[in-house]
N, C-alpha and C. Protein backbone atom coordinates (compact mmCIF):
# COMPACT_ATOMS: atom_id res chain seq x y z
N MET A 1 95.24 86.04 102.12
CA MET A 1 94.04 86.68 102.66
C MET A 1 92.94 85.62 102.72
N HIS A 2 92.17 85.64 103.80
CA HIS A 2 91.06 84.71 103.98
C HIS A 2 89.78 85.48 104.28
N LEU A 3 88.68 84.99 103.76
CA LEU A 3 87.36 85.49 104.10
C LEU A 3 86.78 84.51 105.10
N VAL A 4 86.45 84.99 106.30
CA VAL A 4 85.88 84.14 107.34
C VAL A 4 84.42 84.55 107.52
N GLU A 5 83.52 83.57 107.40
CA GLU A 5 82.09 83.82 107.55
C GLU A 5 81.55 83.10 108.78
N MET A 6 80.71 83.80 109.52
CA MET A 6 80.03 83.24 110.69
C MET A 6 78.54 83.26 110.42
N LEU A 7 77.87 82.14 110.58
CA LEU A 7 76.42 82.06 110.39
C LEU A 7 75.79 82.05 111.78
N LEU A 8 75.14 83.15 112.13
CA LEU A 8 74.59 83.33 113.47
C LEU A 8 73.06 83.24 113.44
N PRO A 9 72.49 82.52 114.39
CA PRO A 9 71.03 82.35 114.41
C PRO A 9 70.33 83.63 114.86
N LEU A 10 69.10 83.80 114.39
CA LEU A 10 68.29 84.94 114.82
C LEU A 10 67.47 84.63 116.07
N SER A 11 67.22 83.33 116.30
CA SER A 11 66.37 82.96 117.43
C SER A 11 66.71 81.56 117.91
N VAL A 12 66.22 81.25 119.10
CA VAL A 12 66.32 79.91 119.64
C VAL A 12 64.96 79.59 120.26
N ASP A 13 64.40 78.44 119.91
CA ASP A 13 63.08 78.03 120.41
C ASP A 13 62.02 79.12 120.20
N GLY A 14 62.09 79.79 119.05
CA GLY A 14 61.10 80.80 118.71
C GLY A 14 61.33 82.17 119.33
N GLN A 15 62.31 82.32 120.21
CA GLN A 15 62.61 83.60 120.86
C GLN A 15 63.76 84.27 120.13
N ARG A 16 63.52 85.49 119.62
CA ARG A 16 64.59 86.23 118.95
C ARG A 16 65.64 86.67 119.96
N PHE A 17 66.87 86.65 119.54
CA PHE A 17 67.95 87.12 120.39
C PHE A 17 67.92 88.64 120.48
N ASP A 18 68.37 89.16 121.59
CA ASP A 18 68.48 90.59 121.79
C ASP A 18 69.52 91.16 120.83
N SER A 19 69.24 92.31 120.26
CA SER A 19 70.17 92.92 119.31
C SER A 19 71.51 93.24 119.96
N ALA A 20 71.55 93.34 121.28
CA ALA A 20 72.81 93.62 121.98
C ALA A 20 73.83 92.50 121.77
N LEU A 21 73.37 91.26 121.57
CA LEU A 21 74.30 90.16 121.31
C LEU A 21 75.03 90.37 119.99
N TYR A 22 74.31 90.79 118.97
CA TYR A 22 74.92 91.03 117.67
C TYR A 22 75.85 92.23 117.73
N GLU A 23 75.46 93.23 118.48
CA GLU A 23 76.31 94.41 118.67
C GLU A 23 77.61 94.01 119.36
N GLN A 24 77.52 93.15 120.34
CA GLN A 24 78.70 92.65 121.05
C GLN A 24 79.65 91.94 120.08
N VAL A 25 79.11 91.09 119.24
CA VAL A 25 79.92 90.37 118.26
C VAL A 25 80.55 91.34 117.27
N ARG A 26 79.77 92.32 116.79
CA ARG A 26 80.30 93.33 115.87
C ARG A 26 81.49 94.06 116.49
N HIS A 27 81.34 94.46 117.76
CA HIS A 27 82.43 95.16 118.43
C HIS A 27 83.66 94.27 118.59
N GLN A 28 83.46 93.02 118.98
CA GLN A 28 84.59 92.10 119.15
C GLN A 28 85.35 91.93 117.84
N LEU A 29 84.62 91.72 116.75
CA LEU A 29 85.26 91.51 115.45
C LEU A 29 85.95 92.76 114.95
N THR A 30 85.31 93.90 115.13
CA THR A 30 85.90 95.16 114.70
C THR A 30 87.15 95.47 115.51
N ASP A 31 87.10 95.25 116.82
CA ASP A 31 88.28 95.49 117.66
C ASP A 31 89.43 94.59 117.27
N ARG A 32 89.15 93.35 116.98
CA ARG A 32 90.23 92.39 116.68
C ARG A 32 90.76 92.53 115.25
N PHE A 33 89.85 92.75 114.27
CA PHE A 33 90.25 92.71 112.87
C PHE A 33 90.16 94.06 112.15
N GLY A 34 89.71 95.08 112.84
CA GLY A 34 89.66 96.40 112.23
C GLY A 34 88.40 96.67 111.43
N GLY A 35 87.50 95.71 111.36
CA GLY A 35 86.25 95.90 110.63
C GLY A 35 85.57 94.57 110.39
N MET A 36 84.33 94.62 109.99
CA MET A 36 83.54 93.43 109.67
C MET A 36 82.37 93.85 108.81
N THR A 37 81.74 92.86 108.19
CA THR A 37 80.54 93.09 107.39
C THR A 37 79.45 92.17 107.93
N GLY A 38 78.26 92.73 108.10
CA GLY A 38 77.13 91.94 108.56
C GLY A 38 76.00 92.00 107.54
N PHE A 39 75.44 90.85 107.24
CA PHE A 39 74.31 90.76 106.32
C PHE A 39 73.10 90.35 107.14
N GLY A 40 72.33 91.34 107.59
CA GLY A 40 71.24 91.05 108.51
C GLY A 40 69.90 91.62 108.12
N ARG A 41 69.83 92.46 107.11
CA ARG A 41 68.54 93.07 106.76
C ARG A 41 67.56 92.05 106.22
N SER A 42 68.02 91.16 105.40
CA SER A 42 67.18 90.07 104.90
C SER A 42 67.82 88.77 105.37
N PRO A 43 67.32 88.24 106.45
CA PRO A 43 67.98 87.03 106.98
C PRO A 43 68.03 85.91 105.96
N ALA A 44 69.13 85.20 105.98
CA ALA A 44 69.26 84.00 105.16
C ALA A 44 68.47 82.89 105.83
N GLN A 45 68.05 81.93 105.05
CA GLN A 45 67.31 80.81 105.60
C GLN A 45 68.13 79.54 105.43
N GLY A 46 68.37 78.88 106.55
CA GLY A 46 69.08 77.61 106.53
C GLY A 46 68.11 76.47 106.71
N THR A 47 68.40 75.35 106.09
CA THR A 47 67.59 74.15 106.23
C THR A 47 68.53 72.98 106.47
N PHE A 48 68.20 72.17 107.47
CA PHE A 48 69.03 71.01 107.77
C PHE A 48 68.18 69.93 108.42
N ARG A 49 68.73 68.71 108.44
CA ARG A 49 68.04 67.59 109.09
C ARG A 49 68.57 67.42 110.49
N GLU A 50 67.65 67.19 111.43
CA GLU A 50 68.02 66.97 112.82
C GLU A 50 67.08 65.92 113.38
N HIS A 51 67.61 64.79 113.79
CA HIS A 51 66.84 63.68 114.35
C HIS A 51 65.71 63.26 113.41
N GLY A 52 66.00 63.24 112.10
CA GLY A 52 65.03 62.78 111.12
C GLY A 52 64.04 63.81 110.65
N SER A 53 64.06 65.00 111.21
CA SER A 53 63.13 66.06 110.80
C SER A 53 63.90 67.18 110.09
N VAL A 54 63.21 67.86 109.19
CA VAL A 54 63.79 69.01 108.52
C VAL A 54 63.54 70.24 109.39
N VAL A 55 64.61 70.98 109.65
CA VAL A 55 64.54 72.17 110.50
C VAL A 55 64.90 73.39 109.66
N HIS A 56 64.16 74.47 109.84
CA HIS A 56 64.43 75.73 109.14
C HIS A 56 64.95 76.74 110.17
N ASP A 57 65.93 77.49 109.75
CA ASP A 57 66.57 78.44 110.65
C ASP A 57 66.79 79.75 109.91
N ASN A 58 66.50 80.88 110.54
CA ASN A 58 66.85 82.18 109.98
C ASN A 58 68.17 82.61 110.59
N ILE A 59 69.08 83.04 109.73
CA ILE A 59 70.42 83.40 110.20
C ILE A 59 70.85 84.74 109.62
N VAL A 60 71.84 85.33 110.26
CA VAL A 60 72.56 86.47 109.70
C VAL A 60 73.99 86.00 109.46
N VAL A 61 74.64 86.62 108.51
CA VAL A 61 76.01 86.25 108.18
C VAL A 61 76.91 87.44 108.50
N TYR A 62 77.94 87.17 109.30
CA TYR A 62 78.99 88.15 109.59
C TYR A 62 80.25 87.65 108.93
N GLU A 63 81.05 88.57 108.41
CA GLU A 63 82.30 88.16 107.79
C GLU A 63 83.41 89.16 108.06
N VAL A 64 84.61 88.63 108.06
CA VAL A 64 85.82 89.45 108.21
C VAL A 64 86.86 88.94 107.23
N MET A 65 87.76 89.83 106.85
CA MET A 65 88.92 89.47 106.04
C MET A 65 90.11 89.43 106.98
N VAL A 66 90.86 88.33 106.93
CA VAL A 66 92.04 88.18 107.78
C VAL A 66 93.24 87.79 106.92
N GLU A 67 94.37 88.33 107.27
CA GLU A 67 95.60 88.01 106.54
C GLU A 67 96.02 86.57 106.81
N HIS A 68 96.06 86.21 108.09
CA HIS A 68 96.46 84.86 108.50
C HIS A 68 95.32 84.22 109.28
N LEU A 69 95.07 82.96 109.02
CA LEU A 69 93.99 82.24 109.67
C LEU A 69 94.51 81.57 110.94
N ASP A 70 94.11 82.10 112.09
CA ASP A 70 94.52 81.55 113.39
C ASP A 70 93.45 80.55 113.82
N ARG A 71 93.67 79.29 113.46
CA ARG A 71 92.66 78.25 113.70
C ARG A 71 92.33 78.09 115.18
N GLU A 72 93.31 78.19 116.04
CA GLU A 72 93.04 78.04 117.48
C GLU A 72 92.14 79.17 117.98
N TRP A 73 92.42 80.41 117.56
CA TRP A 73 91.59 81.53 118.00
C TRP A 73 90.15 81.34 117.50
N TRP A 74 89.99 80.94 116.22
CA TRP A 74 88.65 80.76 115.67
C TRP A 74 87.91 79.62 116.35
N SER A 75 88.61 78.57 116.71
CA SER A 75 87.99 77.46 117.43
C SER A 75 87.46 77.92 118.79
N ASN A 76 88.27 78.69 119.50
CA ASN A 76 87.85 79.24 120.79
C ASN A 76 86.71 80.24 120.63
N TYR A 77 86.77 81.07 119.59
CA TYR A 77 85.72 82.06 119.38
C TYR A 77 84.40 81.37 119.02
N ARG A 78 84.49 80.29 118.26
CA ARG A 78 83.28 79.53 117.93
C ARG A 78 82.62 79.00 119.20
N ALA A 79 83.41 78.47 120.12
CA ALA A 79 82.86 77.98 121.40
C ALA A 79 82.21 79.13 122.16
N THR A 80 82.81 80.31 122.12
CA THR A 80 82.23 81.50 122.76
C THR A 80 80.87 81.84 122.15
N LEU A 81 80.81 81.83 120.81
CA LEU A 81 79.55 82.14 120.12
C LEU A 81 78.48 81.09 120.41
N GLU A 82 78.88 79.83 120.48
CA GLU A 82 77.91 78.77 120.78
C GLU A 82 77.29 78.96 122.15
N LYS A 83 78.07 79.39 123.12
CA LYS A 83 77.52 79.68 124.45
C LYS A 83 76.65 80.93 124.41
N LEU A 84 77.14 81.97 123.76
CA LEU A 84 76.42 83.24 123.69
C LEU A 84 75.04 83.08 123.06
N PHE A 85 74.97 82.27 122.00
CA PHE A 85 73.71 82.08 121.27
C PHE A 85 73.01 80.77 121.62
N ALA A 86 73.47 80.08 122.66
CA ALA A 86 72.84 78.84 123.13
C ALA A 86 72.64 77.83 122.00
N GLN A 87 73.72 77.55 121.28
CA GLN A 87 73.69 76.65 120.13
C GLN A 87 74.61 75.46 120.35
N ASP A 88 74.21 74.30 119.82
CA ASP A 88 75.10 73.14 119.84
C ASP A 88 76.29 73.36 118.93
N GLU A 89 76.02 74.04 117.80
CA GLU A 89 77.10 74.30 116.85
C GLU A 89 76.80 75.56 116.07
N ILE A 90 77.83 76.38 115.90
CA ILE A 90 77.74 77.56 115.03
C ILE A 90 78.73 77.33 113.89
N VAL A 91 78.28 77.60 112.68
CA VAL A 91 79.14 77.40 111.52
C VAL A 91 80.03 78.63 111.33
N ILE A 92 81.31 78.37 111.28
CA ILE A 92 82.30 79.37 110.89
C ILE A 92 83.12 78.73 109.78
N ARG A 93 83.17 79.39 108.66
CA ARG A 93 83.91 78.82 107.53
C ARG A 93 84.86 79.88 106.97
N ALA A 94 85.96 79.40 106.44
CA ALA A 94 86.97 80.31 105.89
C ALA A 94 87.38 79.81 104.51
N ARG A 95 87.70 80.77 103.66
CA ARG A 95 88.22 80.40 102.34
C ARG A 95 89.24 81.43 101.92
N ARG A 96 90.19 80.95 101.14
CA ARG A 96 91.19 81.88 100.61
C ARG A 96 90.50 82.85 99.66
N SER A 97 91.00 84.07 99.68
CA SER A 97 90.40 85.11 98.87
C SER A 97 91.50 86.01 98.34
N ASN A 98 91.23 86.67 97.21
CA ASN A 98 92.14 87.70 96.75
C ASN A 98 92.05 88.87 97.70
N ASP A 99 93.02 89.74 97.68
CA ASP A 99 92.97 90.93 98.53
C ASP A 99 91.94 91.88 97.96
N SER A 100 90.69 91.74 98.42
CA SER A 100 89.59 92.53 97.86
C SER A 100 89.72 94.00 98.19
N ARG A 101 90.43 94.35 99.27
CA ARG A 101 90.59 95.77 99.59
C ARG A 101 91.34 96.47 98.47
N ARG A 102 92.40 95.84 97.98
CA ARG A 102 93.16 96.43 96.88
C ARG A 102 92.29 96.48 95.64
N HIS A 103 91.54 95.42 95.38
CA HIS A 103 90.68 95.33 94.21
C HIS A 103 89.59 96.41 94.26
N LEU A 104 88.97 96.60 95.41
CA LEU A 104 87.87 97.56 95.51
C LEU A 104 88.34 99.00 95.33
N ARG A 105 89.59 99.28 95.64
CA ARG A 105 90.09 100.64 95.49
C ARG A 105 90.10 101.08 94.03
N SER A 106 90.04 100.14 93.12
CA SER A 106 90.09 100.50 91.71
C SER A 106 88.72 100.91 91.16
N PHE A 107 87.68 100.81 91.96
CA PHE A 107 86.34 101.18 91.53
C PHE A 107 85.87 102.41 92.27
N ARG A 108 84.95 103.13 91.66
CA ARG A 108 84.33 104.28 92.31
C ARG A 108 82.92 103.92 92.71
N TYR A 109 82.58 104.21 93.96
CA TYR A 109 81.24 103.92 94.47
C TYR A 109 80.62 105.22 94.94
N PRO A 110 79.67 105.76 94.22
CA PRO A 110 79.05 107.02 94.65
C PRO A 110 77.97 106.80 95.71
N PHE A 111 78.39 106.54 96.96
CA PHE A 111 77.43 106.37 98.05
C PHE A 111 76.87 107.73 98.44
N PRO A 112 75.57 107.80 98.80
CA PRO A 112 75.00 109.07 99.24
C PRO A 112 75.77 109.62 100.44
N GLY A 113 76.09 110.90 100.36
CA GLY A 113 76.77 111.54 101.48
C GLY A 113 78.26 111.24 101.56
N ARG A 114 78.79 110.54 100.57
CA ARG A 114 80.22 110.22 100.57
C ARG A 114 80.83 110.67 99.26
N SER A 115 82.07 111.02 99.33
CA SER A 115 82.80 111.40 98.15
C SER A 115 82.99 110.19 97.26
N SER A 116 82.98 110.37 95.98
CA SER A 116 83.20 109.25 95.07
C SER A 116 84.66 109.16 94.64
N ARG A 117 85.54 109.93 95.30
CA ARG A 117 86.95 109.87 94.92
C ARG A 117 87.58 108.56 95.34
N GLN A 118 88.60 108.15 94.60
CA GLN A 118 89.30 106.91 94.91
C GLN A 118 90.28 107.13 96.04
N ASP A 119 90.53 106.05 96.83
CA ASP A 119 91.56 106.11 97.88
C ASP A 119 92.92 105.94 97.28
């Protein structure tokens, strides 16, 4: 099992991206992998050097769990995201992970409006 994270920018040249772009990505990931998680309520802040200057970037993180890591598909999808978000480079990183779905089933989460019974 692999956890794949995508770091997506919130804006380019001071202009925020339309929320429809993020919705499009959510749908693509959900259709392909059966679900995804997005961390967008409190944007993460990235800092990096570019041409000798320090640049700050606000990002959202999307992640999916995949059984097998298809490097060619992810490479192509990264190019798609770079065009969609007008970026020179979008970071997509993957790491091996335990099967968290099995692990999470052992806990009870009493979410409002949801049963707290175990699956």
